[in-house]
Amino acid sequence: MTEAAEQRPARVVVADDQTVVREGIVMLLGLLPGIEVVGAAGDGDEAVQLVAELAPDVVLMDLRMPRCDGVEATRRIRADHPGTQVVVLTTYADDDSLFPALRAGARGYLTKDAGGDEIVRAVQSVLSGDAGLSPSIQRRLLERLSAPEPELQPVSVTEPPDGLTARETEVLLLIAEGLSNQEIARRLHVSTATIKTHINNLFAKTGLKDRAQAVRYAYAKGLARPPTG
């Protein structure tokens, strides 16, 4: 953060779909030194729009929101507005929430039991180029990094059928393994919304109607083998 930036408060947008929670966060931030709330959004689409209009320094981003969730909004903001940092502020600290958000470009991650001082530190950290992670999230990351990685089976996507992309074929194979959307998202380190988009695309290309048909299709095309025994 430059000297000029240090002399002015950080301009912050708050994104949370729950009105009471959003207004409470805005009220709290208004009492904190070094922070100026310049906008509030009720979902990810509104957050992206406000970033385009206001060019804030930081977005405090909830994850579970309608229309456009926090992970997808973070990805869009970081791609189109790299001058704005994202700090996740959410109820959830599980792997399915944490890792897709960080991979989407969030530089900070706090849970909603964070105090005002912790929020200020996270905002200052991301504006200085550091990570703004709560102690519990840091421990979770260390636990995950120290755990052995599951052995993944290679996916053959040399010539996908029916115009499927390599990623759509990969999602199809994971459906054939019996994985849910959430499990596929965790395996591929993306959001469940992204997985739903891939599934909709592969269904449209192949004319499939449901997951059972998708499994049979994968067997018929030789992409997967039925379980034996």
Protein backbone atom coordinates (compact mmCIF):
# COMPACT_ATOMS: atom_id res chain seq x y z
CA MET A 1 0.00 0.00 0.00
CA THR A 2 1.40 3.40 -0.97
CA GLU A 3 1.94 6.27 1.46
CA ALA A 4 -0.99 8.12 -0.11
CA ALA A 5 -3.23 5.09 0.39
CA GLU A 6 -2.16 4.84 4.03
CA GLN A 7 -3.34 8.40 4.63
CA ARG A 8 -6.93 7.71 3.60
CA PRO A 9 -9.39 5.10 4.86
CA ALA A 10 -9.77 1.87 2.92
CA ARG A 11 -12.88 2.07 0.73
CA VAL A 12 -14.94 -1.05 1.36
CA VAL A 13 -18.01 -2.68 -0.20
CA VAL A 14 -19.98 -5.19 1.87
CA ALA A 15 -21.72 -8.12 0.14
CA ASP A 16 -24.19 -10.24 2.12
CA ASP A 17 -27.64 -11.47 1.16
CA GLN A 18 -29.11 -11.20 4.67
CA THR A 19 -30.30 -7.64 5.21
CA VAL A 20 -29.92 -7.64 8.99
CA VAL A 21 -26.42 -9.12 8.81
CA ARG A 22 -25.37 -6.76 6.02
CA GLU A 23 -26.63 -3.68 7.86
CA GLY A 24 -24.96 -4.87 11.05
CA ILE A 25 -21.61 -5.27 9.29
CA VAL A 26 -21.95 -1.84 7.70
CA MET A 27 -22.73 -0.32 11.11
CA LEU A 28 -19.75 -2.07 12.69
CA LEU A 29 -17.39 -0.98 9.94
CA GLY A 30 -18.58 2.61 10.35
CA LEU A 31 -17.16 2.55 13.87
CA LEU A 32 -13.76 1.17 12.88
CA PRO A 33 -10.74 3.37 12.18
CA GLY A 34 -9.29 3.34 8.68
CA ILE A 35 -12.39 1.99 6.92
CA GLU A 36 -15.01 3.79 4.84
CA VAL A 37 -18.02 1.80 3.62
CA VAL A 38 -18.86 3.02 0.11
CA GLY A 39 -21.52 0.46 -0.84
CA ALA A 40 -23.47 -2.65 0.15
CA ALA A 41 -24.68 -5.49 -2.07
CA GLY A 42 -27.29 -8.21 -1.57
CA ASP A 43 -25.69 -10.81 -3.86
CA GLY A 44 -22.66 -11.48 -6.01
CA ASP A 45 -24.03 -9.79 -9.12
CA GLU A 46 -24.64 -6.57 -7.19
CA ALA A 47 -21.16 -6.80 -5.68
CA VAL A 48 -19.55 -7.05 -9.12
CA GLN A 49 -21.64 -4.11 -10.35
CA LEU A 50 -20.69 -1.95 -7.35
CA VAL A 51 -17.02 -2.74 -7.84
CA ALA A 52 -17.28 -1.62 -11.47
CA GLU A 53 -19.02 1.61 -10.41
CA LEU A 54 -17.10 2.49 -7.24
CA ALA A 55 -13.66 0.84 -7.60
CA PRO A 56 -13.37 0.08 -3.87
CA ASP A 57 -10.14 -1.12 -2.30
CA VAL A 58 -11.71 -4.18 -0.69
CA VAL A 59 -14.92 -6.21 -0.84
CA LEU A 60 -16.02 -8.05 2.30
CA MET A 61 -17.69 -11.01 0.61
CA ASP A 62 -20.22 -13.50 1.93
CA LEU A 63 -20.18 -16.89 0.17
CA ARG A 64 -23.70 -18.32 0.21
CA MET A 65 -25.77 -15.84 -1.79
CA PRO A 66 -28.48 -16.18 -4.47
CA ARG A 67 -28.05 -15.56 -8.22
CA CYS A 68 -24.25 -15.31 -8.00
CA ASP A 69 -22.41 -16.81 -5.04
CA GLY A 70 -19.36 -15.32 -3.39
CA VAL A 71 -16.86 -17.61 -5.13
CA GLU A 72 -18.05 -16.70 -8.62
CA ALA A 73 -18.29 -13.00 -7.70
CA THR A 74 -14.73 -13.12 -6.35
CA ARG A 75 -13.50 -14.73 -9.56
CA ARG A 76 -15.20 -12.06 -11.70
CA ILE A 77 -13.94 -9.19 -9.55
CA ARG A 78 -10.35 -10.40 -9.53
CA ALA A 79 -10.43 -11.01 -13.29
CA ASP A 80 -12.01 -7.70 -14.30
CA HIS A 81 -10.99 -5.39 -11.44
CA PRO A 82 -7.58 -6.51 -10.13
CA GLY A 83 -7.20 -3.32 -8.12
CA THR A 84 -9.94 -4.51 -5.74
CA GLN A 85 -9.05 -7.15 -3.15
CA VAL A 86 -11.57 -9.59 -1.68
CA VAL A 87 -11.82 -10.67 1.95
CA VAL A 88 -14.35 -13.43 2.56
CA LEU A 89 -16.54 -12.88 5.64
CA THR A 90 -18.69 -15.95 6.11
CA THR A 91 -20.22 -18.35 8.60
CA TYR A 92 -18.48 -21.31 6.96
CA ALA A 93 -14.90 -22.49 7.44
CA ASP A 94 -15.15 -25.95 5.83
CA ASP A 95 -12.93 -27.06 2.94
CA ASP A 96 -15.80 -26.83 0.43
CA SER A 97 -16.09 -23.11 1.21
CA LEU A 98 -12.49 -22.15 1.98
CA PHE A 99 -10.48 -23.57 -0.90
CA PRO A 100 -12.74 -22.56 -3.83
CA ALA A 101 -12.79 -19.01 -2.44
CA LEU A 102 -9.01 -18.82 -2.17
CA ARG A 103 -8.57 -20.34 -5.63
CA ALA A 104 -11.00 -17.74 -7.00
CA GLY A 105 -8.66 -15.01 -5.78
CA ALA A 106 -9.75 -14.08 -2.26
CA ARG A 107 -6.76 -12.76 -0.29
CA GLY A 108 -8.47 -12.86 3.08
CA TYR A 109 -10.86 -15.21 4.85
CA LEU A 110 -12.67 -14.48 8.11
CA THR A 111 -15.60 -16.08 9.86
CA LYS A 112 -18.44 -13.92 11.12
CA ASP A 113 -17.36 -14.27 14.73
CA ALA A 114 -14.37 -12.05 13.87
CA GLY A 115 -14.09 -8.86 15.90
CA GLY A 116 -13.66 -5.37 14.54
CA ASP A 117 -9.91 -5.34 15.14
CA GLU A 118 -9.53 -8.58 13.20
CA ILE A 119 -11.48 -7.17 10.25
CA VAL A 120 -9.30 -4.03 10.21
CA ARG A 121 -6.14 -6.16 10.29
CA ALA A 122 -7.40 -8.33 7.42
CA VAL A 123 -8.24 -5.30 5.29
CA GLN A 124 -4.87 -3.69 5.98
CA SER A 125 -3.07 -6.97 5.28
CA VAL A 126 -4.61 -7.54 1.86
CA LEU A 127 -3.98 -3.93 0.85
CA SER A 128 -0.33 -4.41 1.82
CA GLY A 129 -0.07 -7.52 -0.35
CA ASP A 130 -0.31 -10.02 2.48
CA ALA A 131 -2.99 -12.58 3.29
CA GLY A 132 -5.74 -11.61 5.71
CA LEU A 133 -6.56 -14.94 7.32
CA SER A 134 -8.02 -15.55 10.75
CA PRO A 135 -5.94 -17.80 13.07
CA SER A 136 -8.47 -20.63 12.73
CA ILE A 137 -8.29 -20.46 8.94
CA GLN A 138 -4.50 -20.45 9.05
CA ARG A 139 -4.61 -23.62 11.16
CA ARG A 140 -7.07 -25.20 8.72
CA LEU A 141 -4.75 -24.43 5.81
CA LEU A 142 -1.78 -25.92 7.61
CA GLU A 143 -3.76 -29.05 8.43
CA ARG A 144 -4.82 -29.42 4.80
CA LEU A 145 -1.33 -28.81 3.42
CA SER A 146 0.21 -31.31 5.83
CA ALA A 147 -2.36 -34.02 4.98
CA PRO A 148 -1.48 -36.50 2.20
CA GLU A 149 -3.17 -35.73 -1.11
CA PRO A 150 -5.66 -38.35 -2.33
CA GLU A 151 -4.45 -40.32 -5.31
CA LEU A 152 -6.48 -39.28 -8.33
CA GLN A 153 -7.11 -41.56 -11.26
CA PRO A 154 -5.97 -40.10 -14.59
CA VAL A 155 -8.77 -39.11 -16.92
CA SER A 156 -8.51 -39.90 -20.60
CA VAL A 157 -9.82 -36.95 -22.60
CA THR A 158 -7.92 -37.41 -25.87
CA GLU A 159 -11.03 -37.41 -28.07
CA PRO A 160 -14.13 -36.50 -26.03
CA PRO A 161 -17.39 -37.50 -27.73
CA ASP A 162 -20.16 -35.15 -28.91
CA GLY A 163 -18.03 -32.03 -28.69
CA LEU A 164 -17.49 -32.25 -24.94
CA THR A 165 -14.60 -30.27 -23.55
CA ALA A 166 -11.92 -31.97 -21.46
CA ARG A 167 -13.38 -30.50 -18.26
CA GLU A 168 -16.93 -31.54 -19.17
CA THR A 169 -15.68 -35.07 -19.80
CA GLU A 170 -13.87 -35.02 -16.47
CA VAL A 171 -17.09 -33.97 -14.72
CA LEU A 172 -18.96 -36.74 -16.55
CA LEU A 173 -16.49 -39.35 -15.31
CA LEU A 174 -16.85 -38.12 -11.74
CA ILE A 175 -20.64 -38.36 -12.08
CA ALA A 176 -20.12 -41.95 -13.22
CA GLU A 177 -18.10 -42.55 -10.05
CA GLY A 178 -21.18 -41.54 -8.07
CA LEU A 179 -19.90 -38.21 -6.78
CA SER A 180 -22.31 -35.41 -5.90
CA ASN A 181 -21.93 -31.88 -7.25
CA GLN A 182 -20.35 -30.81 -3.96
CA GLU A 183 -17.89 -33.70 -4.05
CA ILE A 184 -16.98 -32.98 -7.68
CA ALA A 185 -16.44 -29.30 -6.84
CA ARG A 186 -14.13 -30.28 -3.99
CA ARG A 187 -12.22 -32.73 -6.19
CA LEU A 188 -11.71 -30.13 -8.94
CA HIS A 189 -11.26 -27.17 -6.57
CA VAL A 190 -14.06 -25.08 -8.07
CA SER A 191 -17.47 -23.88 -6.90
CA THR A 192 -20.63 -25.99 -7.10
CA ALA A 193 -22.09 -23.31 -9.38
CA THR A 194 -19.27 -23.95 -11.85
CA ILE A 195 -19.93 -27.69 -11.71
CA LYS A 196 -23.63 -27.11 -12.39
CA THR A 197 -22.68 -25.07 -15.46
CA HIS A 198 -20.46 -27.88 -16.76
CA ILE A 199 -23.23 -30.42 -16.18
CA ASN A 200 -25.82 -28.27 -17.97
CA ASN A 201 -23.43 -27.90 -20.92
CA LEU A 202 -22.66 -31.60 -21.21
CA PHE A 203 -26.35 -32.49 -20.89
CA ALA A 204 -27.19 -30.04 -23.68
CA LYS A 205 -24.48 -31.42 -25.97
CA THR A 206 -25.38 -35.07 -25.41
CA GLY A 207 -29.16 -34.82 -25.01
CA LEU A 208 -28.98 -36.39 -21.55
CA LYS A 209 -31.78 -35.70 -19.06
CA ASP A 210 -30.41 -36.82 -15.70
CA ARG A 211 -27.43 -38.30 -13.87
CA ALA A 212 -28.55 -41.88 -14.42
CA GLN A 213 -28.52 -41.33 -18.18
CA ALA A 214 -25.12 -39.66 -17.84
CA VAL A 215 -23.71 -42.75 -16.13
CA ARG A 216 -25.08 -45.05 -18.85
CA TYR A 217 -23.70 -42.69 -21.50
CA ALA A 218 -20.23 -42.80 -19.93
CA TYR A 219 -20.35 -46.63 -19.98
CA ALA A 220 -21.65 -46.76 -23.55
CA LYS A 221 -18.91 -44.45 -24.84
CA GLY A 222 -16.21 -46.45 -23.09
CA LEU A 223 -15.29 -43.50 -20.88
CA ALA A 224 -15.98 -45.44 -17.69
CA ARG A 225 -16.39 -49.07 -16.74
CA PRO A 226 -19.37 -50.42 -14.79
CA PRO A 227 -18.47 -51.70 -11.32
CA THR A 228 -17.80 -55.41 -11.14
CA GLY A 229 -18.77 -57.90 -8.50
